[in-house]
PDB file of all heavy atoms in Angstrom:
ATOM      1  N   GLY A   1      19.031  -4.915 -26.375  1.00  0.00           N
ATOM      2  CA  GLY A   1      20.256  -5.609 -25.996  1.00  0.00           C
ATOM      3  C   GLY A   1      21.418  -5.394 -26.936  1.00  0.00           C
ATOM      4  O   GLY A   1      22.519  -5.892 -26.686  1.00  0.00           O
ATOM      5  N   THR A   2      21.201  -4.630 -28.025  1.00  0.00           N
ATOM      6  CA  THR A   2      22.271  -4.441 -29.005  1.00  0.00           C
ATOM      7  C   THR A   2      23.484  -3.752 -28.383  1.00  0.00           C
ATOM      8  O   THR A   2      24.627  -4.176 -28.586  1.00  0.00           O
ATOM      9  CB  THR A   2      21.759  -3.631 -30.207  1.00  0.00           C
ATOM     10  OG1 THR A   2      20.763  -4.391 -30.909  1.00  0.00           O
ATOM     11  CG2 THR A   2      22.892  -3.310 -31.178  1.00  0.00           C
ATOM     12  N   ALA A   3      23.265  -2.699 -27.618  1.00  0.00           N
ATOM     13  CA  ALA A   3      24.389  -1.969 -27.031  1.00  0.00           C
ATOM     14  C   ALA A   3      25.167  -2.852 -26.061  1.00  0.00           C
ATOM     15  O   ALA A   3      26.404  -2.889 -26.099  1.00  0.00           O
ATOM     16  CB  ALA A   3      23.890  -0.710 -26.318  1.00  0.00           C
ATOM     17  N   GLN A   4      24.466  -3.569 -25.192  1.00  0.00           N
ATOM     18  CA  GLN A   4      25.154  -4.451 -24.262  1.00  0.00           C
ATOM     19  C   GLN A   4      25.928  -5.539 -25.004  1.00  0.00           C
ATOM     20  O   GLN A   4      27.042  -5.917 -24.608  1.00  0.00           O
ATOM     21  CB  GLN A   4      24.152  -5.098 -23.301  1.00  0.00           C
ATOM     22  CG  GLN A   4      23.594  -4.157 -22.249  1.00  0.00           C
ATOM     23  CD  GLN A   4      23.069  -4.920 -21.048  1.00  0.00           C
ATOM     24  OE1 GLN A   4      23.820  -5.597 -20.365  1.00  0.00           O
ATOM     25  NE2 GLN A   4      21.764  -4.809 -20.809  1.00  0.00           N
ATOM     26  N   SER A   5      25.354  -6.040 -26.089  1.00  0.00           N
ATOM     27  CA  SER A   5      26.023  -7.062 -26.876  1.00  0.00           C
ATOM     28  C   SER A   5      27.301  -6.510 -27.516  1.00  0.00           C
ATOM     29  O   SER A   5      28.323  -7.200 -27.585  1.00  0.00           O
ATOM     30  CB  SER A   5      25.084  -7.595 -27.955  1.00  0.00           C
ATOM     31  OG  SER A   5      25.713  -8.592 -28.721  1.00  0.00           O
ATOM     32  N   LEU A   6      27.251  -5.260 -27.965  1.00  0.00           N
ATOM     33  CA  LEU A   6      28.444  -4.631 -28.531  1.00  0.00           C
ATOM     34  C   LEU A   6      29.534  -4.478 -27.466  1.00  0.00           C
ATOM     35  O   LEU A   6      30.728  -4.612 -27.757  1.00  0.00           O
ATOM     36  CB  LEU A   6      28.099  -3.270 -29.133  1.00  0.00           C
ATOM     37  CG  LEU A   6      27.344  -3.314 -30.466  1.00  0.00           C
ATOM     38  CD1 LEU A   6      26.882  -1.913 -30.855  1.00  0.00           C
ATOM     39  CD2 LEU A   6      28.221  -3.899 -31.565  1.00  0.00           C
ATOM     40  N   GLY A   7      29.113  -4.212 -26.234  1.00  0.00           N
ATOM     41  CA  GLY A   7      30.077  -4.155 -25.142  1.00  0.00           C
ATOM     42  C   GLY A   7      30.768  -5.486 -24.947  1.00  0.00           C
ATOM     43  O   GLY A   7      31.981  -5.556 -24.728  1.00  0.00           O
ATOM     44  N   ARG A   8      30.001  -6.562 -25.021  1.00  0.00           N
ATOM     45  CA  ARG A   8      30.566  -7.900 -24.916  1.00  0.00           C
ATOM     46  C   ARG A   8      31.520  -8.167 -26.079  1.00  0.00           C
ATOM     47  O   ARG A   8      32.582  -8.778 -25.912  1.00  0.00           O
ATOM     48  CB  ARG A   8      29.438  -8.932 -24.896  1.00  0.00           C
ATOM     49  CG  ARG A   8      29.880 -10.387 -24.962  1.00  0.00           C
ATOM     50  CD  ARG A   8      30.645 -10.813 -23.734  1.00  0.00           C
ATOM     51  NE  ARG A   8      31.067 -12.209 -23.846  1.00  0.00           N
ATOM     52  CZ  ARG A   8      31.830 -12.815 -22.957  1.00  0.00           C
ATOM     53  NH1 ARG A   8      32.274 -12.171 -21.881  1.00  0.00           N
ATOM     54  NH2 ARG A   8      32.169 -14.086 -23.120  1.00  0.00           N
ATOM     55  N   MET A   9      31.163  -7.693 -27.262  1.00  0.00           N
ATOM     56  CA  MET A   9      32.018  -7.889 -28.424  1.00  0.00           C
ATOM     57  C   MET A   9      33.371  -7.198 -28.239  1.00  0.00           C
ATOM     58  O   MET A   9      34.419  -7.759 -28.553  1.00  0.00           O
ATOM     59  CB  MET A   9      31.334  -7.360 -29.691  1.00  0.00           C
ATOM     60  CG  MET A   9      32.086  -7.690 -30.972  1.00  0.00           C
ATOM     61  SD  MET A   9      31.443  -6.841 -32.421  1.00  0.00           S
ATOM     62  CE  MET A   9      32.146  -5.209 -32.155  1.00  0.00           C
ATOM     63  N   VAL A  10      33.342  -5.964 -27.707  1.00  0.00           N
ATOM     64  CA  VAL A  10      34.589  -5.240 -27.473  1.00  0.00           C
ATOM     65  C   VAL A  10      35.500  -6.020 -26.526  1.00  0.00           C
ATOM     66  O   VAL A  10      36.723  -6.074 -26.716  1.00  0.00           O
ATOM     67  CB  VAL A  10      34.293  -3.835 -26.901  1.00  0.00           C
ATOM     68  CG1 VAL A  10      35.570  -3.160 -26.411  1.00  0.00           C
ATOM     69  CG2 VAL A  10      33.621  -2.970 -27.962  1.00  0.00           C
ATOM     70  N   ARG A  11      34.908  -6.647 -25.545  1.00  0.00           N
ATOM     71  CA  ARG A  11      35.710  -7.361 -24.540  1.00  0.00           C
ATOM     72  C   ARG A  11      36.253  -8.698 -25.038  1.00  0.00           C
ATOM     73  O   ARG A  11      37.265  -9.188 -24.533  1.00  0.00           O
ATOM     74  CB  ARG A  11      34.876  -7.588 -23.270  1.00  0.00           C
ATOM     75  CG  ARG A  11      34.560  -6.303 -22.500  1.00  0.00           C
ATOM     76  CD  ARG A  11      33.904  -6.602 -21.168  1.00  0.00           C
ATOM     77  NE  ARG A  11      32.551  -7.121 -21.315  1.00  0.00           N
ATOM     78  CZ  ARG A  11      31.461  -6.353 -21.380  1.00  0.00           C
ATOM     79  NH1 ARG A  11      31.570  -5.035 -21.330  1.00  0.00           N
ATOM     80  NH2 ARG A  11      30.265  -6.891 -21.503  1.00  0.00           N
ATOM     81  N   THR A  12      35.603  -9.310 -26.025  1.00  0.00           N
ATOM     82  CA  THR A  12      36.003 -10.659 -26.438  1.00  0.00           C
ATOM     83  C   THR A  12      36.489 -10.752 -27.882  1.00  0.00           C
ATOM     84  O   THR A  12      36.998 -11.802 -28.290  1.00  0.00           O
ATOM     85  CB  THR A  12      34.833 -11.645 -26.257  1.00  0.00           C
ATOM     86  OG1 THR A  12      33.735 -11.243 -27.092  1.00  0.00           O
ATOM     87  CG2 THR A  12      34.373 -11.689 -24.810  1.00  0.00           C
ATOM     88  N   ALA A  13      36.348  -9.691 -28.668  1.00  0.00           N
ATOM     89  CA  ALA A  13      36.724  -9.751 -30.085  1.00  0.00           C
ATOM     90  C   ALA A  13      38.226  -9.994 -30.235  1.00  0.00           C
ATOM     91  O   ALA A  13      39.046  -9.405 -29.521  1.00  0.00           O
ATOM     92  CB  ALA A  13      36.329  -8.453 -30.780  1.00  0.00           C
ATOM     93  N   ARG A  14      38.563 -10.854 -31.149  1.00  0.00           N
ATOM     94  CA  ARG A  14      39.967 -11.096 -31.456  1.00  0.00           C
ATOM     95  C   ARG A  14      40.069 -11.609 -32.888  1.00  0.00           C
ATOM     96  O   ARG A  14      39.350 -12.524 -33.282  1.00  0.00           O
ATOM     97  CB  ARG A  14      40.591 -12.100 -30.485  1.00  0.00           C
ATOM     98  CG  ARG A  14      42.089 -12.262 -30.712  1.00  0.00           C
ATOM     99  CD  ARG A  14      42.758 -13.013 -29.587  1.00  0.00           C
ATOM    100  NE  ARG A  14      44.202 -13.060 -29.801  1.00  0.00           N
ATOM    101  CZ  ARG A  14      45.042 -12.080 -29.491  1.00  0.00           C
ATOM    102  NH1 ARG A  14      44.573 -10.965 -28.951  1.00  0.00           N
ATOM    103  NH2 ARG A  14      46.327 -12.197 -29.710  1.00  0.00           N
ATOM    104  N   GLU A  15      40.969 -11.008 -33.654  1.00  0.00           N
ATOM    105  CA  GLU A  15      41.180 -11.402 -35.042  1.00  0.00           C
ATOM    106  C   GLU A  15      42.143 -12.583 -35.125  1.00  0.00           C
ATOM    107  O   GLU A  15      42.950 -12.819 -34.222  1.00  0.00           O
ATOM    108  CB  GLU A  15      41.737 -10.224 -35.847  1.00  0.00           C
ATOM    109  CG  GLU A  15      40.865  -8.987 -35.863  1.00  0.00           C
ATOM    110  CD  GLU A  15      39.589  -9.172 -36.649  1.00  0.00           C
ATOM    111  OE1 GLU A  15      39.598  -9.933 -37.630  1.00  0.00           O
ATOM    112  OE2 GLU A  15      38.577  -8.552 -36.278  1.00  0.00           O
ATOM    113  N   GLU A  16      42.084 -13.303 -36.234  1.00  0.00           N
ATOM    114  CA  GLU A  16      43.030 -14.382 -36.481  1.00  0.00           C
ATOM    115  C   GLU A  16      44.368 -13.812 -36.960  1.00  0.00           C
ATOM    116  O   GLU A  16      44.417 -12.781 -37.642  1.00  0.00           O
ATOM    117  CB  GLU A  16      42.487 -15.348 -37.531  1.00  0.00           C
ATOM    118  CG  GLU A  16      41.351 -16.215 -37.031  1.00  0.00           C
ATOM    119  CD  GLU A  16      41.789 -17.189 -35.951  1.00  0.00           C
ATOM    120  OE1 GLU A  16      42.223 -18.287 -36.289  1.00  0.00           O
ATOM    121  OE2 GLU A  16      41.702 -16.830 -34.754  1.00  0.00           O
ATOM    122  N   ASP A  17      45.429 -14.481 -36.601  1.00  0.00           N
ATOM    123  CA  ASP A  17      46.763 -14.048 -37.003  1.00  0.00           C
ATOM    124  C   ASP A  17      46.905 -14.120 -38.525  1.00  0.00           C
ATOM    125  O   ASP A  17      46.407 -15.045 -39.167  1.00  0.00           O
ATOM    126  CB  ASP A  17      47.811 -14.950 -36.332  1.00  0.00           C
ATOM    127  CG  ASP A  17      49.198 -14.347 -36.404  1.00  0.00           C
ATOM    128  OD1 ASP A  17      49.754 -14.276 -37.514  1.00  0.00           O
ATOM    129  OD2 ASP A  17      49.717 -13.948 -35.349  1.00  0.00           O
ATOM    130  N   LEU A  18      47.618 -13.153 -39.077  1.00  0.00           N
ATOM    131  CA  LEU A  18      47.798 -13.104 -40.532  1.00  0.00           C
ATOM    132  C   LEU A  18      48.864 -14.059 -41.029  1.00  0.00           C
ATOM    133  O   LEU A  18      49.091 -14.151 -42.242  1.00  0.00           O
ATOM    134  CB  LEU A  18      48.151 -11.678 -40.962  1.00  0.00           C
ATOM    135  CG  LEU A  18      46.973 -10.703 -41.058  1.00  0.00           C
ATOM    136  CD1 LEU A  18      47.471  -9.312 -41.382  1.00  0.00           C
ATOM    137  CD2 LEU A  18      45.992 -11.164 -42.128  1.00  0.00           C
ATOM    138  N   ALA A  19      49.519 -14.768 -40.122  1.00  0.00           N
ATOM    139  CA  ALA A  19      50.594 -15.674 -40.540  1.00  0.00           C
ATOM    140  C   ALA A  19      50.096 -16.743 -41.509  1.00  0.00           C
ATOM    141  O   ALA A  19      50.857 -17.212 -42.371  1.00  0.00           O
ATOM    142  CB  ALA A  19      51.223 -16.332 -39.308  1.00  0.00           C
ATOM    143  N   GLY A  20      48.817 -17.119 -41.394  1.00  0.00           N
ATOM    144  CA  GLY A  20      48.286 -18.150 -42.273  1.00  0.00           C
ATOM    145  C   GLY A  20      47.800 -17.648 -43.614  1.00  0.00           C
ATOM    146  O   GLY A  20      47.472 -18.447 -44.501  1.00  0.00           O
ATOM    147  N   PHE A  21      47.737 -16.331 -43.793  1.00  0.00           N
ATOM    148  CA  PHE A  21      47.162 -15.775 -45.022  1.00  0.00           C
ATOM    149  C   PHE A  21      48.001 -16.066 -46.270  1.00  0.00           C
ATOM    150  O   PHE A  21      47.442 -16.476 -47.294  1.00  0.00           O
ATOM    151  CB  PHE A  21      46.947 -14.272 -44.855  1.00  0.00           C
ATOM    152  CG  PHE A  21      46.233 -13.622 -46.000  1.00  0.00           C
ATOM    153  CD1 PHE A  21      44.957 -14.016 -46.361  1.00  0.00           C
ATOM    154  CD2 PHE A  21      46.837 -12.608 -46.735  1.00  0.00           C
ATOM    155  CE1 PHE A  21      44.290 -13.416 -47.429  1.00  0.00           C
ATOM    156  CE2 PHE A  21      46.191 -11.996 -47.793  1.00  0.00           C
ATOM    157  CZ  PHE A  21      44.914 -12.404 -48.144  1.00  0.00           C
ATOM    158  N   PRO A  22      49.327 -15.883 -46.239  1.00  0.00           N
ATOM    159  CA  PRO A  22      50.110 -16.116 -47.467  1.00  0.00           C
ATOM    160  C   PRO A  22      49.999 -17.545 -47.993  1.00  0.00           C
ATOM    161  O   PRO A  22      50.028 -17.762 -49.211  1.00  0.00           O
ATOM    162  CB  PRO A  22      51.546 -15.788 -47.035  1.00  0.00           C
ATOM    163  CG  PRO A  22      51.394 -14.867 -45.882  1.00  0.00           C
ATOM    164  CD  PRO A  22      50.168 -15.339 -45.156  1.00  0.00           C
ATOM    165  N   ASP A  23      49.878 -18.519 -47.094  1.00  0.00           N
ATOM    166  CA  ASP A  23      49.863 -19.925 -47.519  1.00  0.00           C
ATOM    167  C   ASP A  23      48.466 -20.535 -47.521  1.00  0.00           C
ATOM    168  O   ASP A  23      48.343 -21.758 -47.677  1.00  0.00           O
ATOM    169  CB  ASP A  23      50.776 -20.746 -46.602  1.00  0.00           C
ATOM    170  CG  ASP A  23      52.226 -20.277 -46.655  1.00  0.00           C
ATOM    171  OD1 ASP A  23      52.690 -19.941 -47.765  1.00  0.00           O
ATOM    172  OD2 ASP A  23      52.875 -20.229 -45.605  1.00  0.00           O
ATOM    173  N   LEU A  24      47.448 -19.730 -47.371  1.00  0.00           N
ATOM    174  CA  LEU A  24      46.084 -20.248 -47.410  1.00  0.00           C
ATOM    175  C   LEU A  24      45.844 -20.913 -48.765  1.00  0.00           C
ATOM    176  O   LEU A  24      45.969 -20.271 -49.808  1.00  0.00           O
ATOM    177  CB  LEU A  24      45.082 -19.106 -47.201  1.00  0.00           C
ATOM    178  CG  LEU A  24      43.609 -19.494 -47.074  1.00  0.00           C
ATOM    179  CD1 LEU A  24      43.368 -20.253 -45.775  1.00  0.00           C
ATOM    180  CD2 LEU A  24      42.725 -18.244 -47.127  1.00  0.00           C
ATOM    181  N   PRO A  25      45.507 -22.209 -48.775  1.00  0.00           N
ATOM    182  CA  PRO A  25      45.417 -22.931 -50.051  1.00  0.00           C
ATOM    183  C   PRO A  25      44.117 -22.692 -50.803  1.00  0.00           C
ATOM    184  O   PRO A  25      43.452 -23.628 -51.258  1.00  0.00           O
ATOM    185  CB  PRO A  25      45.548 -24.392 -49.602  1.00  0.00           C
ATOM    186  CG  PRO A  25      44.909 -24.417 -48.258  1.00  0.00           C
ATOM    187  CD  PRO A  25      45.266 -23.087 -47.615  1.00  0.00           C
ATOM    188  N   LEU A  26      43.765 -21.431 -50.964  1.00  0.00           N
ATOM    189  CA  LEU A  26      42.532 -21.058 -51.649  1.00  0.00           C
ATOM    190  C   LEU A  26      42.780 -19.813 -52.495  1.00  0.00           C
ATOM    191  O   LEU A  26      43.589 -18.956 -52.117  1.00  0.00           O
ATOM    192  CB  LEU A  26      41.422 -20.739 -50.630  1.00  0.00           C
ATOM    193  CG  LEU A  26      40.927 -21.854 -49.711  1.00  0.00           C
ATOM    194  CD1 LEU A  26      39.986 -21.267 -48.667  1.00  0.00           C
ATOM    195  CD2 LEU A  26      40.229 -22.929 -50.503  1.00  0.00           C
ATOM    196  N   PRO A  27      42.067 -19.659 -53.598  1.00  0.00           N
ATOM    197  CA  PRO A  27      42.126 -18.394 -54.329  1.00  0.00           C
ATOM    198  C   PRO A  27      41.458 -17.288 -53.514  1.00  0.00           C
ATOM    199  O   PRO A  27      40.508 -17.544 -52.775  1.00  0.00           O
ATOM    200  CB  PRO A  27      41.361 -18.675 -55.621  1.00  0.00           C
ATOM    201  CG  PRO A  27      40.464 -19.828 -55.287  1.00  0.00           C
ATOM    202  CD  PRO A  27      41.193 -20.651 -54.265  1.00  0.00           C
ATOM    203  N   VAL A  28      41.977 -16.076 -53.640  1.00  0.00           N
ATOM    204  CA  VAL A  28      41.458 -14.938 -52.875  1.00  0.00           C
ATOM    205  C   VAL A  28      41.085 -13.820 -53.841  1.00  0.00           C
ATOM    206  O   VAL A  28      41.857 -13.470 -54.742  1.00  0.00           O
ATOM    207  CB  VAL A  28      42.490 -14.424 -51.850  1.00  0.00           C
ATOM    208  CG1 VAL A  28      41.903 -13.258 -51.045  1.00  0.00           C
ATOM    209  CG2 VAL A  28      42.931 -15.548 -50.912  1.00  0.00           C
ATOM    210  N   LEU A  29      39.907 -13.256 -53.623  1.00  0.00           N
ATOM    211  CA  LEU A  29      39.445 -12.090 -54.371  1.00  0.00           C
ATOM    212  C   LEU A  29      39.237 -10.943 -53.403  1.00  0.00           C
ATOM    213  O   LEU A  29      38.569 -11.110 -52.379  1.00  0.00           O
ATOM    214  CB  LEU A  29      38.133 -12.403 -55.096  1.00  0.00           C
ATOM    215  CG  LEU A  29      37.388 -11.203 -55.725  1.00  0.00           C
ATOM    216  CD1 LEU A  29      38.187 -10.597 -56.868  1.00  0.00           C
ATOM    217  CD2 LEU A  29      35.994 -11.618 -56.197  1.00  0.00           C
ATOM    218  N   ALA A  30      39.802  -9.789 -53.713  1.00  0.00           N
ATOM    219  CA  ALA A  30      39.586  -8.589 -52.899  1.00  0.00           C
ATOM    220  C   ALA A  30      38.823  -7.561 -53.726  1.00  0.00           C
ATOM    221  O   ALA A  30      39.180  -7.284 -54.877  1.00  0.00           O
ATOM    222  CB  ALA A  30      40.913  -8.000 -52.435  1.00  0.00           C
ATOM    223  N   ILE A  31      37.755  -7.023 -53.149  1.00  0.00           N
ATOM    224  CA  ILE A  31      36.950  -5.979 -53.790  1.00  0.00           C
ATOM    225  C   ILE A  31      36.979  -4.766 -52.873  1.00  0.00           C
ATOM    226  O   ILE A  31      36.630  -4.861 -51.693  1.00  0.00           O
ATOM    227  CB  ILE A  31      35.506  -6.457 -54.026  1.00  0.00           C
ATOM    228  CG1 ILE A  31      35.500  -7.692 -54.933  1.00  0.00           C
ATOM    229  CG2 ILE A  31      34.656  -5.337 -54.621  1.00  0.00           C
ATOM    230  CD1 ILE A  31      34.115  -8.312 -55.123  1.00  0.00           C
ATOM    231  N   TRP A  32      37.400  -3.620 -53.410  1.00  0.00           N
ATOM    232  CA  TRP A  32      37.599  -2.429 -52.583  1.00  0.00           C
ATOM    233  C   TRP A  32      36.966  -1.206 -53.229  1.00  0.00           C
ATOM    234  O   TRP A  32      36.975  -1.070 -54.456  1.00  0.00           O
ATOM    235  CB  TRP A  32      39.089  -2.159 -52.429  1.00  0.00           C
ATOM    236  CG  TRP A  32      39.531  -2.000 -50.998  1.00  0.00           C
ATOM    237  CD1 TRP A  32      39.646  -0.843 -50.283  1.00  0.00           C
ATOM    238  CD2 TRP A  32      39.921  -3.054 -50.115  1.00  0.00           C
ATOM    239  NE1 TRP A  32      40.084  -1.100 -49.000  1.00  0.00           N
ATOM    240  CE2 TRP A  32      40.265  -2.469 -48.873  1.00  0.00           C
ATOM    241  CE3 TRP A  32      40.013  -4.442 -50.230  1.00  0.00           C
ATOM    242  CZ2 TRP A  32      40.695  -3.211 -47.777  1.00  0.00           C
ATOM    243  CZ3 TRP A  32      40.434  -5.179 -49.153  1.00  0.00           C
ATOM    244  CH2 TRP A  32      40.773  -4.565 -47.942  1.00  0.00           C
ATOM    245  N   GLY A  33      36.445  -0.325 -52.399  1.00  0.00           N
ATOM    246  CA  GLY A  33      35.944   0.946 -52.884  1.00  0.00           C
ATOM    247  C   GLY A  33      37.090   1.920 -53.102  1.00  0.00           C
ATOM    248  O   GLY A  33      37.944   2.095 -52.229  1.00  0.00           O
ATOM    249  N   GLU A  34      37.114   2.530 -54.263  1.00  0.00           N
ATOM    250  CA  GLU A  34      38.200   3.471 -54.607  1.00  0.00           C
ATOM    251  C   GLU A  34      38.297   4.614 -53.594  1.00  0.00           C
ATOM    252  O   GLU A  34      39.385   5.066 -53.244  1.00  0.00           O
ATOM    253  CB  GLU A  34      37.949   4.039 -56.003  1.00  0.00           C
ATOM    254  CG  GLU A  34      38.968   5.072 -56.448  1.00  0.00           C
ATOM    255  CD  GLU A  34      38.540   5.817 -57.694  1.00  0.00           C
ATOM    256  OE1 GLU A  34      37.312   5.955 -57.929  1.00  0.00           O
ATOM    257  OE2 GLU A  34      39.424   6.284 -58.453  1.00  0.00           O
ATOM    258  N   LYS A  35      37.147   5.046 -53.083  1.00  0.00           N
ATOM    259  CA  LYS A  35      37.117   6.205 -52.188  1.00  0.00           C
ATOM    260  C   LYS A  35      36.755   5.802 -50.758  1.00  0.00           C
ATOM    261  O   LYS A  35      36.147   6.581 -50.030  1.00  0.00           O
ATOM    262  CB  LYS A  35      36.132   7.244 -52.721  1.00  0.00           C
ATOM    263  CG  LYS A  35      36.531   7.795 -54.095  1.00  0.00           C
ATOM    264  CD  LYS A  35      35.547   8.846 -54.586  1.00  0.00           C
ATOM    265  CE  LYS A  35      35.980   9.418 -55.929  1.00  0.00           C
ATOM    266  NZ  LYS A  35      35.031  10.452 -56.429  1.00  0.00           N
TER     267      LYS A  35
END
C-alpha cells in the first residue's frame, strides 16, 4: 500500500504558510549538509 499511499499524499499534501515563521516565538536551529 505504500505506492497508493504516496498517491494520496500527492493529492492532499500542503505546506504551512511561511508568514508565521519570522514571528514564531521559539528559538530555531538549522542544520544543513554543505554538499
